[in-house]
Amino acid sequence: MYEVRTRMFENTTNNVIGIASFVVDGKFAFNGIRVISSDNAERGFFLAMPSYKVGDSRYVDYFHPISSE
């Protein structure tokens, strides 16, 4: 079972057109997934996973458990 939530932005100045979050089987949560519109019309849209910066230049994707299982 999946739970999905989205929030679309209007009149953005960059290519991020919305934010999505989802929960997988009530066990793992992915929050802050960016929905991005490509400048190239053939590519359409893509998703950027949430991440945090480690050190000076490296970014690490992450998600977190929401149950003790």
PDB file of N, CA and C in Angstrom:
ATOM      1  N   MET A   1       0.840  -1.172   0.000  1.00  0.00           N
ATOM      2  CA  MET A   1       0.000   0.000   0.000  1.00  0.00           C
ATOM      3  C   MET A   1       0.888   1.239   0.000  1.00  0.00           C
ATOM      4  N   TYR A   2       0.496   2.233  -0.758  1.00  0.00           N
ATOM      5  CA  TYR A   2       1.239   3.475  -0.863  1.00  0.00           C
ATOM      6  C   TYR A   2       0.326   4.645  -0.504  1.00  0.00           C
ATOM      7  N   GLU A   3       0.892   5.617   0.167  1.00  0.00           N
ATOM      8  CA  GLU A   3       0.196   6.871   0.443  1.00  0.00           C
ATOM      9  C   GLU A   3       1.011   7.968  -0.219  1.00  0.00           C
ATOM     10  N   VAL A   4       0.383   8.730  -1.112  1.00  0.00           N
ATOM     11  CA  VAL A   4       1.094   9.754  -1.872  1.00  0.00           C
ATOM     12  C   VAL A   4       0.431  11.105  -1.633  1.00  0.00           C
ATOM     13  N   ARG A   5       1.257  12.115  -1.409  1.00  0.00           N
ATOM     14  CA  ARG A   5       0.773  13.488  -1.259  1.00  0.00           C
ATOM     15  C   ARG A   5       1.599  14.381  -2.172  1.00  0.00           C
ATOM     16  N   THR A   6       0.923  15.305  -2.833  1.00  0.00           N
ATOM     17  CA  THR A   6       1.628  16.232  -3.711  1.00  0.00           C
ATOM     18  C   THR A   6       1.187  17.659  -3.429  1.00  0.00           C
ATOM     19  N   ARG A   7       2.074  18.570  -3.692  1.00  0.00           N
ATOM     20  CA  ARG A   7       1.767  19.992  -3.586  1.00  0.00           C
ATOM     21  C   ARG A   7       2.375  20.670  -4.808  1.00  0.00           C
ATOM     22  N   MET A   8       1.517  21.241  -5.640  1.00  0.00           N
ATOM     23  CA  MET A   8       1.978  21.894  -6.852  1.00  0.00           C
ATOM     24  C   MET A   8       2.167  23.388  -6.592  1.00  0.00           C
ATOM     25  N   PHE A   9       3.185  23.968  -7.221  1.00  0.00           N
ATOM     26  CA  PHE A   9       3.467  25.387  -7.085  1.00  0.00           C
ATOM     27  C   PHE A   9       2.981  26.118  -8.326  1.00  0.00           C
ATOM     28  N   GLU A  10       2.495  27.321  -8.143  1.00  0.00           N
ATOM     29  CA  GLU A  10       2.108  28.161  -9.270  1.00  0.00           C
ATOM     30  C   GLU A  10       3.091  29.317  -9.370  1.00  0.00           C
ATOM     31  N   ASN A  11       3.356  29.744 -10.590  1.00  0.00           N
ATOM     32  CA  ASN A  11       4.206  30.913 -10.844  1.00  0.00           C
ATOM     33  C   ASN A  11       5.589  30.784 -10.213  1.00  0.00           C
ATOM     34  N   THR A  12       6.244  29.647 -10.431  1.00  0.00           N
ATOM     35  CA  THR A  12       7.587  29.471  -9.895  1.00  0.00           C
ATOM     36  C   THR A  12       8.613  30.152 -10.787  1.00  0.00           C
ATOM     37  N   THR A  13       9.709  30.581 -10.202  1.00  0.00           N
ATOM     38  CA  THR A  13      10.776  31.222 -10.976  1.00  0.00           C
ATOM     39  C   THR A  13      11.856  30.225 -11.379  1.00  0.00           C
ATOM     40  N   ASN A  14      11.748  28.987 -10.889  1.00  0.00           N
ATOM     41  CA  ASN A  14      12.707  27.956 -11.289  1.00  0.00           C
ATOM     42  C   ASN A  14      11.938  26.772 -11.867  1.00  0.00           C
ATOM     43  N   ASN A  15      12.595  25.677 -12.107  1.00  0.00           N
ATOM     44  CA  ASN A  15      11.960  24.530 -12.755  1.00  0.00           C
ATOM     45  C   ASN A  15      11.227  23.602 -11.788  1.00  0.00           C
ATOM     46  N   VAL A  16      11.287  23.846 -10.483  1.00  0.00           N
ATOM     47  CA  VAL A  16      10.577  23.012  -9.516  1.00  0.00           C
ATOM     48  C   VAL A  16       9.101  23.399  -9.566  1.00  0.00           C
ATOM     49  N   ILE A  17       8.260  22.437  -9.960  1.00  0.00           N
ATOM     50  CA  ILE A  17       6.828  22.739 -10.088  1.00  0.00           C
ATOM     51  C   ILE A  17       5.994  22.139  -8.968  1.00  0.00           C
ATOM     52  N   GLY A  18       6.621  21.335  -8.113  1.00  0.00           N
ATOM     53  CA  GLY A  18       5.880  20.767  -7.002  1.00  0.00           C
ATOM     54  C   GLY A  18       6.755  19.927  -6.094  1.00  0.00           C
ATOM     55  N   ILE A  19       6.153  19.512  -4.982  1.00  0.00           N
ATOM     56  CA  ILE A  19       6.808  18.661  -3.996  1.00  0.00           C
ATOM     57  C   ILE A  19       5.921  17.453  -3.765  1.00  0.00           C
ATOM     58  N   ALA A  20       6.515  16.281  -3.652  1.00  0.00           N
ATOM     59  CA  ALA A  20       5.755  15.056  -3.398  1.00  0.00           C
ATOM     60  C   ALA A  20       6.350  14.319  -2.207  1.00  0.00           C
ATOM     61  N   SER A  21       5.497  13.586  -1.511  1.00  0.00           N
ATOM     62  CA  SER A  21       5.916  12.722  -0.411  1.00  0.00           C
ATOM     63  C   SER A  21       5.144  11.427  -0.528  1.00  0.00           C
ATOM     64  N   PHE A  22       5.757  10.323  -0.152  1.00  0.00           N
ATOM     65  CA  PHE A  22       5.005   9.080  -0.138  1.00  0.00           C
ATOM     66  C   PHE A  22       5.507   8.136   0.934  1.00  0.00           C
ATOM     67  N   VAL A  23       4.596   7.255   1.352  1.00  0.00           N
ATOM     68  CA  VAL A  23       4.877   6.258   2.382  1.00  0.00           C
ATOM     69  C   VAL A  23       4.679   4.886   1.751  1.00  0.00           C
ATOM     70  N   VAL A  24       5.617   3.983   1.970  1.00  0.00           N
ATOM     71  CA  VAL A  24       5.572   2.631   1.417  1.00  0.00           C
ATOM     72  C   VAL A  24       5.180   1.655   2.516  1.00  0.00           C
ATOM     73  N   ASP A  25       4.040   1.000   2.357  1.00  0.00           N
ATOM     74  CA  ASP A  25       3.555  -0.030   3.283  1.00  0.00           C
ATOM     75  C   ASP A  25       3.547   0.403   4.745  1.00  0.00           C
ATOM     76  N   GLY A  26       3.391   1.700   5.009  1.00  0.00           N
ATOM     77  CA  GLY A  26       3.371   2.186   6.374  1.00  0.00           C
ATOM     78  C   GLY A  26       4.687   2.014   7.109  1.00  0.00           C
ATOM     79  N   LYS A  27       5.784   1.775   6.364  1.00  0.00           N
ATOM     80  CA  LYS A  27       7.076   1.487   6.989  1.00  0.00           C
ATOM     81  C   LYS A  27       8.164   2.502   6.671  1.00  0.00           C
ATOM     82  N   PHE A  28       8.196   3.003   5.450  1.00  0.00           N
ATOM     83  CA  PHE A  28       9.238   3.932   5.037  1.00  0.00           C
ATOM     84  C   PHE A  28       8.605   5.179   4.439  1.00  0.00           C
ATOM     85  N   ALA A  29       9.173   6.337   4.778  1.00  0.00           N
ATOM     86  CA  ALA A  29       8.666   7.607   4.272  1.00  0.00           C
ATOM     87  C   ALA A  29       9.735   8.311   3.437  1.00  0.00           C
ATOM     88  N   PHE A  30       9.314   8.840   2.333  1.00  0.00           N
ATOM     89  CA  PHE A  30      10.147   9.668   1.465  1.00  0.00           C
ATOM     90  C   PHE A  30       9.472  11.031   1.431  1.00  0.00           C
ATOM     91  N   ASN A  31      10.107  12.052   1.976  1.00  0.00           N
ATOM     92  CA  ASN A  31       9.521  13.391   2.033  1.00  0.00           C
ATOM     93  C   ASN A  31      10.373  14.364   1.242  1.00  0.00           C
ATOM     94  N   GLY A  32       9.726  15.344   0.639  1.00  0.00           N
ATOM     95  CA  GLY A  32      10.456  16.403  -0.050  1.00  0.00           C
ATOM     96  C   GLY A  32      10.988  16.029  -1.415  1.00  0.00           C
ATOM     97  N   ILE A  33      10.301  15.136  -2.129  1.00  0.00           N
ATOM     98  CA  ILE A  33      10.721  14.780  -3.488  1.00  0.00           C
ATOM     99  C   ILE A  33      10.305  15.916  -4.413  1.00  0.00           C
ATOM    100  N   ARG A  34      11.254  16.486  -5.122  1.00  0.00           N
ATOM    101  CA  ARG A  34      10.952  17.618  -6.005  1.00  0.00           C
ATOM    102  C   ARG A  34      10.515  17.131  -7.378  1.00  0.00           C
ATOM    103  N   VAL A  35       9.419  17.698  -7.890  1.00  0.00           N
ATOM    104  CA  VAL A  35       8.951  17.439  -9.246  1.00  0.00           C
ATOM    105  C   VAL A  35       9.475  18.593 -10.095  1.00  0.00           C
ATOM    106  N   ILE A  36      10.299  18.254 -11.096  1.00  0.00           N
ATOM    107  CA  ILE A  36      11.014  19.276 -11.855  1.00  0.00           C
ATOM    108  C   ILE A  36      10.650  19.181 -13.331  1.00  0.00           C
ATOM    109  N   SER A  37      10.411  20.338 -13.928  1.00  0.00           N
ATOM    110  CA  SER A  37      10.131  20.428 -15.355  1.00  0.00           C
ATOM    111  C   SER A  37      11.448  20.646 -16.086  1.00  0.00           C
ATOM    112  N   SER A  38      11.699  19.823 -17.098  1.00  0.00           N
ATOM    113  CA  SER A  38      12.935  19.937 -17.866  1.00  0.00           C
ATOM    114  C   SER A  38      12.851  21.089 -18.858  1.00  0.00           C
ATOM    115  N   ASP A  39      13.984  21.727 -19.125  1.00  0.00           N
ATOM    116  CA  ASP A  39      14.033  22.763 -20.160  1.00  0.00           C
ATOM    117  C   ASP A  39      13.854  22.158 -21.545  1.00  0.00           C
ATOM    118  N   ASN A  40      14.188  20.886 -21.685  1.00  0.00           N
ATOM    119  CA  ASN A  40      14.065  20.170 -22.949  1.00  0.00           C
ATOM    120  C   ASN A  40      12.675  19.532 -23.000  1.00  0.00           C
ATOM    121  N   ALA A  41      11.826  19.947 -23.921  1.00  0.00           N
ATOM    122  CA  ALA A  41      10.434  19.467 -23.987  1.00  0.00           C
ATOM    123  C   ALA A  41      10.340  17.961 -24.184  1.00  0.00           C
ATOM    124  N   GLU A  42      11.323  17.355 -24.830  1.00  0.00           N
ATOM    125  CA  GLU A  42      11.288  15.904 -25.060  1.00  0.00           C
ATOM    126  C   GLU A  42      11.495  15.121 -23.774  1.00  0.00           C
ATOM    127  N   ARG A  43      12.194  15.692 -22.810  1.00  0.00           N
ATOM    128  CA  ARG A  43      12.441  15.000 -21.540  1.00  0.00           C
ATOM    129  C   ARG A  43      11.258  15.098 -20.597  1.00  0.00           C
ATOM    130  N   GLY A  44      10.473  16.157 -20.674  1.00  0.00           N
ATOM    131  CA  GLY A  44       9.292  16.302 -19.831  1.00  0.00           C
ATOM    132  C   GLY A  44       9.642  16.613 -18.388  1.00  0.00           C
ATOM    133  N   PHE A  45       9.182  15.772 -17.460  1.00  0.00           N
ATOM    134  CA  PHE A  45       9.370  15.986 -16.034  1.00  0.00           C
ATOM    135  C   PHE A  45      10.282  14.911 -15.446  1.00  0.00           C
ATOM    136  N   PHE A  46      10.889  15.203 -14.301  1.00  0.00           N
ATOM    137  CA  PHE A  46      11.637  14.183 -13.581  1.00  0.00           C
ATOM    138  C   PHE A  46      11.549  14.474 -12.088  1.00  0.00           C
ATOM    139  N   LEU A  47      11.928  13.499 -11.286  1.00  0.00           N
ATOM    140  CA  LEU A  47      11.884  13.608  -9.836  1.00  0.00           C
ATOM    141  C   LEU A  47      13.290  13.704  -9.280  1.00  0.00           C
ATOM    142  N   ALA A  48      13.470  14.525  -8.262  1.00  0.00           N
ATOM    143  CA  ALA A  48      14.747  14.634  -7.558  1.00  0.00           C
ATOM    144  C   ALA A  48      14.512  14.181  -6.127  1.00  0.00           C
ATOM    145  N   MET A  49      15.237  13.165  -5.729  1.00  0.00           N
ATOM    146  CA  MET A  49      15.081  12.613  -4.388  1.00  0.00           C
ATOM    147  C   MET A  49      15.547  13.619  -3.341  1.00  0.00           C
ATOM    148  N   PRO A  50      14.959  13.555  -2.147  1.00  0.00           N
ATOM    149  CA  PRO A  50      15.428  14.427  -1.072  1.00  0.00           C
ATOM    150  C   PRO A  50      16.861  14.045  -0.708  1.00  0.00           C
ATOM    151  N   SER A  51      17.654  15.029  -0.344  1.00  0.00           N
ATOM    152  CA  SER A  51      19.052  14.748  -0.016  1.00  0.00           C
ATOM    153  C   SER A  51      19.561  15.747   1.002  1.00  0.00           C
ATOM    154  N   TYR A  52      20.695  15.429   1.575  1.00  0.00           N
ATOM    155  CA  TYR A  52      21.358  16.362   2.470  1.00  0.00           C
ATOM    156  C   TYR A  52      22.836  16.384   2.127  1.00  0.00           C
ATOM    157  N   LYS A  53      23.466  17.485   2.454  1.00  0.00           N
ATOM    158  CA  LYS A  53      24.861  17.688   2.084  1.00  0.00           C
ATOM    159  C   LYS A  53      25.783  17.075   3.127  1.00  0.00           C
ATOM    160  N   VAL A  54      26.794  16.342   2.638  1.00  0.00           N
ATOM    161  CA  VAL A  54      27.803  15.725   3.496  1.00  0.00           C
ATOM    162  C   VAL A  54      29.147  16.308   3.075  1.00  0.00           C
ATOM    163  N   GLY A  55      29.821  16.923   4.000  1.00  0.00           N
ATOM    164  CA  GLY A  55      31.115  17.516   3.667  1.00  0.00           C
ATOM    165  C   GLY A  55      30.942  18.760   2.809  1.00  0.00           C
ATOM    166  N   ASP A  56      31.894  18.980   1.912  1.00  0.00           N
ATOM    167  CA  ASP A  56      31.878  20.188   1.096  1.00  0.00           C
ATOM    168  C   ASP A  56      31.091  20.054  -0.202  1.00  0.00           C
ATOM    169  N   SER A  57      31.053  18.845  -0.790  1.00  0.00           N
ATOM    170  CA  SER A  57      30.469  18.771  -2.127  1.00  0.00           C
ATOM    171  C   SER A  57      29.600  17.548  -2.385  1.00  0.00           C
ATOM    172  N   ARG A  58      29.481  16.647  -1.460  1.00  0.00           N
ATOM    173  CA  ARG A  58      28.736  15.414  -1.707  1.00  0.00           C
ATOM    174  C   ARG A  58      27.336  15.492  -1.104  1.00  0.00           C
ATOM    175  N   TYR A  59      26.329  15.015  -1.869  1.00  0.00           N
ATOM    176  CA  TYR A  59      24.958  14.948  -1.395  1.00  0.00           C
ATOM    177  C   TYR A  59      24.535  13.487  -1.273  1.00  0.00           C
ATOM    178  N   VAL A  60      23.771  13.160  -0.225  1.00  0.00           N
ATOM    179  CA  VAL A  60      23.327  11.798   0.030  1.00  0.00           C
ATOM    180  C   VAL A  60      21.806  11.774   0.038  1.00  0.00           C
ATOM    181  N   ASP A  61      21.203  10.868  -0.749  1.00  0.00           N
ATOM    182  CA  ASP A  61      19.753  10.701  -0.739  1.00  0.00           C
ATOM    183  C   ASP A  61      19.348   9.984   0.533  1.00  0.00           C
ATOM    184  N   TYR A  62      18.145  10.258   1.016  1.00  0.00           N
ATOM    185  CA  TYR A  62      17.716   9.587   2.229  1.00  0.00           C
ATOM    186  C   TYR A  62      16.197   9.389   2.281  1.00  0.00           C
ATOM    187  N   PHE A  63      15.809   8.481   3.148  1.00  0.00           N
ATOM    188  CA  PHE A  63      14.428   8.241   3.526  1.00  0.00           C
ATOM    189  C   PHE A  63      14.473   7.765   4.964  1.00  0.00           C
ATOM    190  N   HIS A  64      13.337   7.614   5.610  1.00  0.00           N
ATOM    191  CA  HIS A  64      13.386   7.190   7.011  1.00  0.00           C
ATOM    192  C   HIS A  64      12.268   6.227   7.333  1.00  0.00           C
ATOM    193  N   PRO A  65      12.537   5.303   8.280  1.00  0.00           N
ATOM    194  CA  PRO A  65      11.504   4.370   8.712  1.00  0.00           C
ATOM    195  C   PRO A  65      10.496   5.096   9.604  1.00  0.00           C
ATOM    196  N   ILE A  66       9.229   4.638   9.547  1.00  0.00           N
ATOM    197  CA  ILE A  66       8.208   5.238  10.395  1.00  0.00           C
ATOM    198  C   ILE A  66       7.552   4.206  11.302  1.00  0.00           C
ATOM    199  N   SER A  67       8.038   2.986  11.265  1.00  0.00           N
ATOM    200  CA  SER A  67       7.536   1.950  12.180  1.00  0.00           C
ATOM    201  C   SER A  67       8.729   1.200  12.759  1.00  0.00           C
ATOM    202  N   SER A  68       8.506   0.474  13.833  1.00  0.00           N
ATOM    203  CA  SER A  68       9.600  -0.262  14.468  1.00  0.00           C
ATOM    204  C   SER A  68       9.986  -1.523  13.716  1.00  0.00           C
ATOM    205  N   GLU A  69       9.173  -1.939  12.761  1.00  0.00           N
ATOM    206  CA  GLU A  69       9.489  -3.142  11.972  1.00  0.00           C
ATOM    207  C   GLU A  69      10.689  -2.869  11.111  1.00  0.00           C
TER     208      GLU A  69
END
